[in-house]
């Protein structure tokens, strides 16, 4: 996993003035469902890629950063299953 995209066990570690890309994954055998957000507000950006298509996943992450107007080196935050996904 890239250093700028890592799981956090607490939302408090991703707060502050620095922008954050929130990423939720649903991993299936044939496809991976993705949801991206930069914080509370509009509905998350939802996408789907073929399972195990890591280059496709990375392309969707880059596109989400562009669409959400986040810097290319923004920190990623993937909530653990106990945090839930809104």
N, C-alpha and C. Protein backbone atom coordinates (compact mmCIF):
# COMPACT_ATOMS: atom_id res chain seq x y z
N UNK A 1 0.86 -1.17 0.00
CA UNK A 1 0.00 0.00 0.00
C UNK A 1 0.90 1.23 0.00
N UNK A 2 0.60 2.22 -0.86
CA UNK A 2 1.44 3.41 -0.89
C UNK A 2 1.46 4.11 0.46
N UNK A 3 2.57 4.76 0.76
CA UNK A 3 2.74 5.42 2.06
C UNK A 3 1.71 6.51 2.29
N UNK A 4 1.24 7.17 1.22
CA UNK A 4 0.28 8.25 1.41
C UNK A 4 -1.16 7.75 1.41
N UNK A 5 -1.37 6.43 1.40
CA UNK A 5 -2.70 5.85 1.50
C UNK A 5 -2.62 4.73 2.52
N UNK A 6 -3.03 5.01 3.75
CA UNK A 6 -2.89 4.02 4.80
C UNK A 6 -4.14 4.02 5.68
N UNK A 7 -4.39 2.89 6.30
CA UNK A 7 -5.55 2.77 7.17
C UNK A 7 -5.27 3.45 8.51
N UNK A 8 -6.30 4.06 9.07
CA UNK A 8 -6.23 4.67 10.39
C UNK A 8 -7.30 4.04 11.25
N UNK A 9 -7.01 3.86 12.52
CA UNK A 9 -8.00 3.26 13.41
C UNK A 9 -8.88 4.31 14.08
N UNK A 10 -8.57 5.58 13.88
CA UNK A 10 -9.35 6.63 14.52
C UNK A 10 -9.49 7.82 13.59
N UNK A 11 -10.68 8.39 13.53
CA UNK A 11 -10.89 9.57 12.70
C UNK A 11 -10.07 10.76 13.21
N UNK A 12 -9.78 10.78 14.49
CA UNK A 12 -9.07 11.93 15.05
C UNK A 12 -7.68 12.08 14.46
N UNK A 13 -7.08 11.00 13.95
CA UNK A 13 -5.74 11.12 13.37
C UNK A 13 -5.79 11.81 12.02
N UNK A 14 -6.96 11.93 11.42
CA UNK A 14 -7.05 12.53 10.10
C UNK A 14 -7.69 13.92 10.15
N UNK A 15 -7.86 14.48 11.32
CA UNK A 15 -8.46 15.80 11.43
C UNK A 15 -7.39 16.87 11.37
N UNK A 16 -7.80 18.09 11.23
CA UNK A 16 -6.87 19.19 11.17
C UNK A 16 -7.07 19.96 9.88
N UNK A 17 -6.09 20.77 9.57
CA UNK A 17 -6.23 21.62 8.40
C UNK A 17 -5.74 20.97 7.13
N UNK A 18 -5.05 19.87 7.21
CA UNK A 18 -4.56 19.19 6.01
C UNK A 18 -5.70 18.47 5.32
N UNK A 19 -5.79 18.55 3.98
CA UNK A 19 -6.85 17.82 3.28
C UNK A 19 -6.62 16.31 3.38
N UNK A 20 -7.71 15.56 3.34
CA UNK A 20 -7.66 14.10 3.46
C UNK A 20 -8.59 13.49 2.42
N UNK A 21 -8.16 12.39 1.82
CA UNK A 21 -9.01 11.62 0.93
C UNK A 21 -9.51 10.41 1.70
N UNK A 22 -10.82 10.30 1.89
CA UNK A 22 -11.41 9.14 2.55
C UNK A 22 -11.76 8.12 1.48
N UNK A 23 -11.40 6.87 1.72
CA UNK A 23 -11.60 5.80 0.75
C UNK A 23 -12.24 4.61 1.44
N UNK A 24 -13.34 4.12 0.87
CA UNK A 24 -13.99 2.89 1.36
C UNK A 24 -13.93 1.87 0.23
N UNK A 25 -13.62 0.64 0.58
CA UNK A 25 -13.51 -0.45 -0.40
C UNK A 25 -14.44 -1.59 -0.03
N UNK A 26 -15.09 -2.14 -1.01
CA UNK A 26 -15.81 -3.40 -0.86
C UNK A 26 -15.19 -4.35 -1.86
N UNK A 27 -14.44 -5.34 -1.34
CA UNK A 27 -13.67 -6.22 -2.20
C UNK A 27 -14.45 -7.50 -2.49
N UNK A 28 -14.76 -7.72 -3.75
CA UNK A 28 -15.46 -8.92 -4.18
C UNK A 28 -14.56 -9.77 -5.06
N UNK A 29 -15.01 -10.96 -5.38
CA UNK A 29 -14.21 -11.86 -6.20
C UNK A 29 -14.08 -11.33 -7.64
N UNK A 30 -15.12 -10.71 -8.17
CA UNK A 30 -15.09 -10.25 -9.56
C UNK A 30 -14.94 -8.74 -9.70
N UNK A 31 -15.25 -7.99 -8.66
CA UNK A 31 -15.12 -6.54 -8.73
C UNK A 31 -14.90 -5.91 -7.38
N UNK A 32 -14.30 -4.73 -7.41
CA UNK A 32 -14.07 -3.95 -6.20
C UNK A 32 -14.89 -2.67 -6.30
N UNK A 33 -15.70 -2.38 -5.28
CA UNK A 33 -16.49 -1.16 -5.23
C UNK A 33 -15.72 -0.14 -4.39
N UNK A 34 -15.65 1.08 -4.90
CA UNK A 34 -14.87 2.14 -4.26
C UNK A 34 -15.78 3.32 -3.96
N UNK A 35 -15.53 4.00 -2.87
CA UNK A 35 -16.22 5.25 -2.55
C UNK A 35 -15.18 6.23 -2.02
N UNK A 36 -15.21 7.44 -2.53
CA UNK A 36 -14.24 8.47 -2.17
C UNK A 36 -14.97 9.71 -1.65
N UNK A 37 -14.39 10.36 -0.66
CA UNK A 37 -14.91 11.63 -0.15
C UNK A 37 -13.76 12.44 0.43
N UNK A 38 -13.97 13.73 0.53
CA UNK A 38 -12.96 14.59 1.16
C UNK A 38 -13.44 15.07 2.53
N UNK A 39 -14.59 14.59 2.97
CA UNK A 39 -15.15 14.96 4.26
C UNK A 39 -16.66 14.91 4.18
N UNK A 40 -17.35 15.34 5.23
CA UNK A 40 -18.81 15.35 5.20
C UNK A 40 -19.31 16.35 4.16
N UNK A 41 -20.44 16.06 3.62
CA UNK A 41 -21.01 16.95 2.61
C UNK A 41 -21.69 16.16 1.52
N UNK A 42 -21.32 16.43 0.27
CA UNK A 42 -21.99 15.75 -0.84
C UNK A 42 -21.78 14.23 -0.78
N UNK A 43 -22.61 13.54 -1.51
CA UNK A 43 -22.50 12.07 -1.58
C UNK A 43 -21.11 11.68 -2.07
N UNK A 44 -20.60 10.55 -1.59
CA UNK A 44 -19.26 10.13 -2.02
C UNK A 44 -19.23 9.78 -3.51
N UNK A 45 -18.06 9.91 -4.10
CA UNK A 45 -17.84 9.49 -5.48
C UNK A 45 -17.71 7.98 -5.46
N UNK A 46 -18.56 7.29 -6.22
CA UNK A 46 -18.56 5.83 -6.24
C UNK A 46 -18.10 5.32 -7.58
N UNK A 47 -17.25 4.31 -7.55
CA UNK A 47 -16.70 3.69 -8.75
C UNK A 47 -16.57 2.20 -8.52
N UNK A 48 -16.33 1.48 -9.61
CA UNK A 48 -16.09 0.04 -9.52
C UNK A 48 -14.98 -0.32 -10.51
N UNK A 49 -14.06 -1.17 -10.06
CA UNK A 49 -13.00 -1.69 -10.93
C UNK A 49 -13.03 -3.21 -10.84
N UNK A 50 -12.40 -3.85 -11.81
CA UNK A 50 -12.29 -5.30 -11.77
C UNK A 50 -11.44 -5.71 -10.58
N UNK A 51 -11.77 -6.84 -9.99
CA UNK A 51 -11.01 -7.34 -8.84
C UNK A 51 -9.54 -7.53 -9.22
N UNK A 52 -8.68 -7.18 -8.32
CA UNK A 52 -7.23 -7.33 -8.46
C UNK A 52 -6.62 -6.43 -9.54
N UNK A 53 -7.37 -5.45 -10.03
CA UNK A 53 -6.86 -4.51 -11.01
C UNK A 53 -6.24 -3.33 -10.27
N UNK A 54 -5.03 -3.53 -9.75
CA UNK A 54 -4.37 -2.50 -8.95
C UNK A 54 -4.09 -1.25 -9.77
N UNK A 55 -3.62 -1.36 -11.02
CA UNK A 55 -3.45 -0.13 -11.81
C UNK A 55 -4.77 0.63 -11.98
N UNK A 56 -5.87 -0.09 -12.18
CA UNK A 56 -7.18 0.56 -12.28
C UNK A 56 -7.57 1.24 -10.99
N UNK A 57 -7.28 0.59 -9.85
CA UNK A 57 -7.53 1.18 -8.54
C UNK A 57 -6.75 2.47 -8.36
N UNK A 58 -5.47 2.43 -8.70
CA UNK A 58 -4.63 3.62 -8.56
C UNK A 58 -5.10 4.74 -9.48
N UNK A 59 -5.58 4.40 -10.68
CA UNK A 59 -6.11 5.40 -11.60
C UNK A 59 -7.37 6.05 -11.02
N UNK A 60 -8.24 5.25 -10.40
CA UNK A 60 -9.46 5.80 -9.78
C UNK A 60 -9.12 6.69 -8.59
N UNK A 61 -8.10 6.33 -7.82
CA UNK A 61 -7.66 7.16 -6.70
C UNK A 61 -7.16 8.51 -7.22
N UNK A 62 -6.35 8.47 -8.28
CA UNK A 62 -5.84 9.72 -8.86
C UNK A 62 -6.99 10.57 -9.40
N UNK A 63 -7.97 9.94 -10.06
CA UNK A 63 -9.11 10.68 -10.60
C UNK A 63 -9.96 11.28 -9.48
N UNK A 64 -10.13 10.53 -8.39
CA UNK A 64 -10.90 11.04 -7.25
C UNK A 64 -10.22 12.28 -6.66
N UNK A 65 -8.91 12.23 -6.54
CA UNK A 65 -8.18 13.39 -6.03
C UNK A 65 -8.41 14.60 -6.93
N UNK A 66 -8.36 14.37 -8.24
CA UNK A 66 -8.56 15.46 -9.19
C UNK A 66 -9.99 16.01 -9.09
N UNK A 67 -10.98 15.11 -9.08
CA UNK A 67 -12.39 15.53 -9.03
C UNK A 67 -12.73 16.25 -7.72
N UNK A 68 -12.11 15.81 -6.63
CA UNK A 68 -12.38 16.41 -5.32
C UNK A 68 -11.46 17.60 -5.04
N UNK A 69 -10.66 17.96 -6.03
CA UNK A 69 -9.74 19.10 -5.95
C UNK A 69 -8.77 18.98 -4.77
N UNK A 70 -8.20 17.79 -4.64
CA UNK A 70 -7.22 17.53 -3.59
C UNK A 70 -5.84 17.45 -4.21
N UNK A 71 -4.79 17.80 -3.46
CA UNK A 71 -3.44 17.69 -4.00
C UNK A 71 -3.08 16.23 -4.28
N UNK A 72 -2.19 16.02 -5.25
CA UNK A 72 -1.80 14.65 -5.63
C UNK A 72 -1.16 13.89 -4.48
N UNK A 73 -0.52 14.60 -3.54
CA UNK A 73 0.16 13.93 -2.43
C UNK A 73 -0.68 13.90 -1.15
N UNK A 74 -2.00 14.09 -1.27
CA UNK A 74 -2.88 14.10 -0.10
C UNK A 74 -2.82 12.76 0.64
N UNK A 75 -2.98 12.81 1.95
CA UNK A 75 -3.01 11.60 2.76
C UNK A 75 -4.34 10.90 2.58
N UNK A 76 -4.29 9.57 2.48
CA UNK A 76 -5.51 8.78 2.38
C UNK A 76 -5.93 8.26 3.74
N UNK A 77 -7.22 8.07 3.92
CA UNK A 77 -7.76 7.54 5.19
C UNK A 77 -8.79 6.50 4.83
N UNK A 78 -8.53 5.25 5.18
CA UNK A 78 -9.49 4.17 4.95
C UNK A 78 -10.04 3.76 6.31
N UNK A 79 -11.31 4.10 6.62
CA UNK A 79 -11.85 3.76 7.94
C UNK A 79 -11.90 2.26 8.14
N UNK A 80 -11.65 1.83 9.37
CA UNK A 80 -11.78 0.39 9.64
C UNK A 80 -13.26 0.05 9.76
N UNK A 81 -13.58 -1.23 9.78
CA UNK A 81 -14.97 -1.66 9.74
C UNK A 81 -15.79 -1.20 10.95
N UNK A 82 -15.15 -0.88 12.06
CA UNK A 82 -15.89 -0.43 13.23
C UNK A 82 -16.37 1.01 13.08
N UNK A 83 -15.74 1.78 12.18
CA UNK A 83 -16.13 3.18 11.99
C UNK A 83 -17.34 3.31 11.08
N UNK A 84 -17.58 2.34 10.24
CA UNK A 84 -18.70 2.39 9.32
C UNK A 84 -18.44 3.37 8.20
N UNK A 85 -19.26 3.32 7.19
CA UNK A 85 -19.14 4.20 6.04
C UNK A 85 -20.48 4.85 5.81
N UNK A 86 -20.52 6.17 5.77
CA UNK A 86 -21.76 6.89 5.62
C UNK A 86 -22.08 7.12 4.22
